[in-house]
Amino acid sequence: MIFNKDLSIEQLELLFTNEDKCLEFLAELKWSDGFICKKCGNTNSCAGKTPFSQRCTKCKTEESATAGTVFHNCRFELNKAFYIAYTVCKNKFDVSTYEFARRLSMRQMTCWKFKDKLKKAIESSGESPENWIEILK
C-alpha cells in the first residue's frame, strides 16, 4: 500500500488536495470491512446526506467519515489536518507547532491542540507512529 511508504510533501498534497478527497479516503479506510452501525449494530447502510457519510437502514442514524477518528470535530481544513498527521507520524524530527502554523497559515494554538490530539491517539493505539494509517482510524 502506498501509505506505508514515505511520501514527499508534494505527493501528499496531490493525494489530499481538497476536503472531498480527504473524506473519500477516510470513508474507504473506515468502512473497508463494511459498515456496522454504532447505535444498533445493523450492517446495512445507504449514502447519508453529507458527502461520504453512511446512514443505517434500520435506525436511520447517520455517521460521517470523520466520526470516531482523530479528525472528528476538526474545525479547519482536512487537507491541513492530514498534512499535520502525516508529518507528526512520519518525521523522525519533531516539527514545532509554530512551524506548522507558519507553513499552513493557521494559529499556533490550533496546531498545538491537533498535534496533542494526535500524540494521545498514537499513545493509546499502541501502534508505531510510522504506521500512520492505523492511527487515523
Foldseek 3Di string as FASTA:
>chain_A
DVLLDDDDPVRLCVQPVFQLSLQVVLLCLVQVVADADPPPRDRDWDDDPDRSWTAHPPPRDIDGSQPPFLCVPLPDTVSLLVVLLSCLLADPDDDQLVNSCVVVVHDSVSSVVSSVSLVVLCVVVVDRSSSSSSSGD
